[in-house]
Amino acid sequence: MKKLKITLFGLLLGILTACNQVKLPNDVIEDDKAYEKLTEYIYSHYPNLKDNIEVMEFSYNSSIHPQRDEISSSLSMNLVKGSNTDRIVEYTVNNEGRLSNYIVDISVGDMMDQKLSNTYETYKPFLFSDKQINLESLRKIISKSIEEFKKETNVEKAYCTSLSVEKEANKEPEITVMISQRKFGSTIKRLTRWTIDGQKK
């Protein structure tokens, strides 16, 4: 009887989990679902960060399948750990819905002044709010970058292989975009930089 209860509980849990699964697109930045899943995962570990995530880097990465014109991709966020502000953690979600996290050992600062250390005070000038991450703006930047790339290189198909949002000390965040020919193994790539409000630098 006990075994039956455990089996039924496991089955019910599986059904509830399946009901809560949100199908993500192969290209996770094409809508907001993956980002919402990522932030929900962060909040589940650090509820006090809700609406107040301090980010060191937000990034998107993708690759194309060797045989098929199919993309795999992921979103990652390096942020100040909620329970210990002297630590940076990276949270990631991929297009299969897989979630992961780990502690990142990052030292930032001025090497000449010997200020390299893993402390919040050292990180602070390089941090920005998650509110400055605007997915619609990022999608427009990717679209513009792809169109420019296709004109410059005369290729028919292109895609964004990586995008990152970071900031230098006491400056506004900057967006870096890498565009590549949509062909496995292609070496035709271009890197562009944009302001947080979508202006090319």
Protein backbone atom coordinates (compact mmCIF):
# COMPACT_ATOMS: atom_id res chain seq x y z
CA MET A 1 0.00 0.00 0.00
CA LYS A 2 2.82 2.38 0.90
CA LYS A 3 4.55 1.57 -2.40
CA LEU A 4 1.33 2.31 -4.29
CA LYS A 5 1.00 5.69 -2.56
CA ILE A 6 4.56 6.60 -3.49
CA THR A 7 3.94 5.57 -7.11
CA LEU A 8 0.72 7.56 -7.28
CA PHE A 9 2.43 10.59 -5.72
CA GLY A 10 5.28 10.32 -8.25
CA LEU A 11 2.78 10.06 -11.11
CA LEU A 12 0.82 13.08 -9.83
CA LEU A 13 4.04 15.07 -9.45
CA GLY A 14 5.01 14.14 -13.01
CA ILE A 15 1.63 15.29 -14.32
CA LEU A 16 1.85 18.59 -12.43
CA THR A 17 5.40 19.12 -13.68
CA ALA A 18 4.31 18.39 -17.25
CA CYS A 19 1.43 20.86 -16.91
CA ASN A 20 3.88 23.53 -15.75
CA GLN A 21 6.28 22.93 -18.63
CA VAL A 22 6.38 25.80 -21.11
CA LYS A 23 7.58 24.89 -24.58
CA LEU A 24 10.46 27.17 -25.53
CA PRO A 25 11.42 28.10 -29.08
CA ASN A 26 14.74 26.83 -30.47
CA ASP A 27 15.81 30.46 -30.66
CA VAL A 28 15.11 31.44 -27.05
CA ILE A 29 15.33 35.18 -27.63
CA GLU A 30 12.52 35.28 -30.19
CA ASP A 31 9.96 35.69 -27.38
CA ASP A 32 9.94 36.29 -23.59
CA LYS A 33 9.21 32.72 -22.42
CA ALA A 34 12.81 31.64 -21.78
CA TYR A 35 13.65 34.88 -19.95
CA GLU A 36 10.56 34.49 -17.76
CA LYS A 37 11.53 30.89 -16.99
CA LEU A 38 15.07 32.00 -16.13
CA THR A 39 13.97 34.76 -13.76
CA GLU A 40 11.41 32.48 -12.09
CA TYR A 41 14.23 30.01 -11.46
CA ILE A 42 16.35 32.77 -9.90
CA TYR A 43 13.45 33.94 -7.71
CA SER A 44 12.81 30.37 -6.55
CA HIS A 45 16.31 30.38 -5.01
CA TYR A 46 16.44 34.04 -3.97
CA PRO A 47 12.93 35.46 -3.39
CA ASN A 48 14.43 38.72 -2.09
CA LEU A 49 15.81 39.42 -5.58
CA LYS A 50 12.35 39.69 -7.12
CA ASP A 51 12.30 42.87 -9.19
CA ASN A 52 15.76 43.74 -7.87
CA ILE A 53 18.40 41.62 -9.65
CA GLU A 54 21.87 43.17 -9.87
CA VAL A 55 23.43 41.87 -13.08
CA MET A 56 27.07 41.68 -14.10
CA GLU A 57 26.39 40.13 -17.52
CA PHE A 58 23.37 39.02 -19.50
CA SER A 59 24.11 36.84 -22.51
CA TYR A 60 22.52 34.91 -25.33
CA ASN A 61 24.31 32.18 -27.30
CA SER A 62 23.26 30.02 -30.20
CA SER A 63 24.66 27.48 -32.63
CA ILE A 64 23.42 25.77 -35.76
CA HIS A 65 23.01 22.02 -36.23
CA PRO A 66 25.68 20.43 -38.49
CA GLN A 67 23.12 18.67 -40.74
CA ARG A 68 19.94 20.68 -40.32
CA ASP A 69 19.10 24.38 -40.50
CA GLU A 70 18.12 24.27 -36.84
CA ILE A 71 19.28 26.46 -33.97
CA SER A 72 20.02 25.54 -30.35
CA SER A 73 20.34 28.44 -27.93
CA SER A 74 20.52 29.58 -24.32
CA LEU A 75 20.15 32.63 -22.08
CA SER A 76 22.46 33.26 -19.12
CA MET A 77 22.60 35.83 -16.37
CA ASN A 78 25.56 36.50 -14.07
CA LEU A 79 24.16 38.16 -10.96
CA VAL A 80 24.92 39.03 -7.37
CA LYS A 81 24.03 36.04 -5.21
CA GLY A 82 21.02 36.83 -3.06
CA SER A 83 22.27 35.19 0.13
CA ASN A 84 25.86 36.42 -0.16
CA THR A 85 26.46 39.66 -2.04
CA ASP A 86 30.20 38.94 -2.26
CA ARG A 87 29.51 36.11 -4.73
CA ILE A 88 28.48 36.11 -8.37
CA VAL A 89 26.34 33.24 -9.66
CA GLU A 90 25.42 32.31 -13.23
CA TYR A 91 21.92 31.06 -14.05
CA THR A 92 21.19 29.54 -17.48
CA VAL A 93 18.22 28.20 -19.42
CA ASN A 94 18.48 26.51 -22.82
CA ASN A 95 15.89 25.94 -25.53
CA GLU A 96 15.07 22.49 -24.12
CA GLY A 97 14.05 24.17 -20.86
CA ARG A 98 17.07 22.85 -18.97
CA LEU A 99 18.03 25.08 -16.04
CA SER A 100 21.43 25.26 -14.38
CA ASN A 101 23.39 27.45 -12.00
CA TYR A 102 26.85 27.69 -10.50
CA ILE A 103 29.09 30.09 -8.61
CA VAL A 104 31.39 32.18 -10.81
CA ASP A 105 34.81 33.19 -9.53
CA ILE A 106 35.23 36.66 -11.04
CA SER A 107 37.73 39.28 -9.95
CA VAL A 108 37.24 42.78 -11.30
CA GLY A 109 38.92 46.05 -10.60
CA ASP A 110 42.13 47.98 -11.23
CA MET A 111 45.17 45.70 -11.24
CA MET A 112 47.54 48.65 -10.83
CA ASP A 113 45.83 49.61 -7.58
CA GLN A 114 45.64 45.98 -6.39
CA LYS A 115 41.87 46.13 -6.02
CA LEU A 116 41.17 42.75 -7.58
CA SER A 117 38.88 40.83 -5.25
CA ASN A 118 35.61 38.94 -5.08
CA THR A 119 33.67 41.49 -3.08
CA TYR A 120 30.46 43.39 -3.66
CA GLU A 121 32.20 46.75 -3.37
CA THR A 122 34.54 45.74 -6.19
CA TYR A 123 31.66 44.49 -8.37
CA LYS A 124 29.34 47.40 -7.76
CA PRO A 125 30.58 49.80 -10.49
CA PHE A 126 30.14 47.00 -13.07
CA LEU A 127 26.59 46.05 -12.08
CA PHE A 128 23.32 47.07 -13.71
CA SER A 129 19.66 46.39 -13.04
CA ASP A 130 17.76 43.61 -14.76
CA LYS A 131 15.21 46.34 -15.58
CA GLN A 132 17.66 47.58 -18.20
CA ILE A 133 17.36 44.30 -20.09
CA ASN A 134 14.70 44.98 -22.72
CA LEU A 135 14.16 41.89 -24.88
CA GLU A 136 12.16 43.75 -27.51
CA SER A 137 15.02 46.22 -27.91
CA LEU A 138 17.53 43.34 -28.10
CA ARG A 139 15.46 41.65 -30.81
CA LYS A 140 15.45 44.86 -32.85
CA ILE A 141 19.22 45.20 -32.45
CA ILE A 142 19.71 41.60 -33.62
CA SER A 143 17.43 42.21 -36.61
CA LYS A 144 19.31 45.39 -37.59
CA SER A 145 22.66 43.65 -37.16
CA ILE A 146 21.60 40.74 -39.36
CA GLU A 147 20.35 43.03 -42.14
CA GLU A 148 23.59 45.05 -42.06
CA PHE A 149 25.65 41.86 -42.08
CA LYS A 150 23.79 40.44 -45.10
CA LYS A 151 24.34 43.67 -47.04
CA GLU A 152 28.03 43.86 -46.15
CA THR A 153 28.84 40.20 -46.84
CA ASN A 154 26.30 39.41 -49.56
CA VAL A 155 25.21 36.19 -47.83
CA GLU A 156 21.61 34.99 -48.08
CA LYS A 157 21.13 33.72 -44.52
CA ALA A 158 22.55 34.93 -41.22
CA TYR A 159 21.87 34.56 -37.52
CA CYS A 160 23.04 35.89 -34.17
CA THR A 161 25.55 33.55 -32.54
CA SER A 162 26.01 35.62 -29.41
CA LEU A 163 24.84 38.75 -27.64
CA SER A 164 25.99 40.15 -24.33
CA VAL A 165 24.96 43.07 -22.15
CA GLU A 166 27.77 44.35 -19.90
CA LYS A 167 29.00 47.64 -18.54
CA GLU A 168 32.32 49.22 -17.75
CA ALA A 169 32.81 50.86 -14.37
CA ASN A 170 30.33 53.70 -13.82
CA LYS A 171 29.13 53.71 -17.45
CA GLU A 172 25.90 52.69 -19.15
CA PRO A 173 25.57 49.03 -20.20
CA GLU A 174 26.79 48.17 -23.70
CA ILE A 175 25.46 45.48 -26.03
CA THR A 176 27.86 43.36 -28.10
CA VAL A 177 26.42 41.30 -30.97
CA MET A 178 28.10 38.61 -33.08
CA ILE A 179 26.42 37.75 -36.40
CA SER A 180 27.44 34.80 -38.55
CA GLN A 181 26.47 33.28 -41.87
CA ARG A 182 23.70 30.73 -41.22
CA LYS A 183 25.79 27.79 -42.31
CA PHE A 184 27.52 25.24 -40.10
CA GLY A 185 31.27 25.87 -39.85
CA SER A 186 31.13 29.26 -41.57
CA THR A 187 33.91 31.69 -40.63
CA ILE A 188 32.08 34.73 -41.99
CA LYS A 189 31.27 36.73 -38.85
CA ARG A 190 30.87 40.34 -37.76
CA LEU A 191 30.96 41.94 -34.30
CA THR A 192 29.03 45.14 -33.60
CA ARG A 193 28.44 47.22 -30.46
CA TRP A 194 25.31 49.09 -29.47
CA THR A 195 24.14 51.38 -26.70
CA ILE A 196 21.49 50.11 -24.29
CA ASP A 197 18.87 52.23 -26.08
CA GLY A 198 19.64 50.63 -29.47
CA GLN A 199 22.08 53.06 -31.12
CA LYS A 200 25.02 51.61 -33.01
CA LYS A 201 28.42 52.64 -31.63
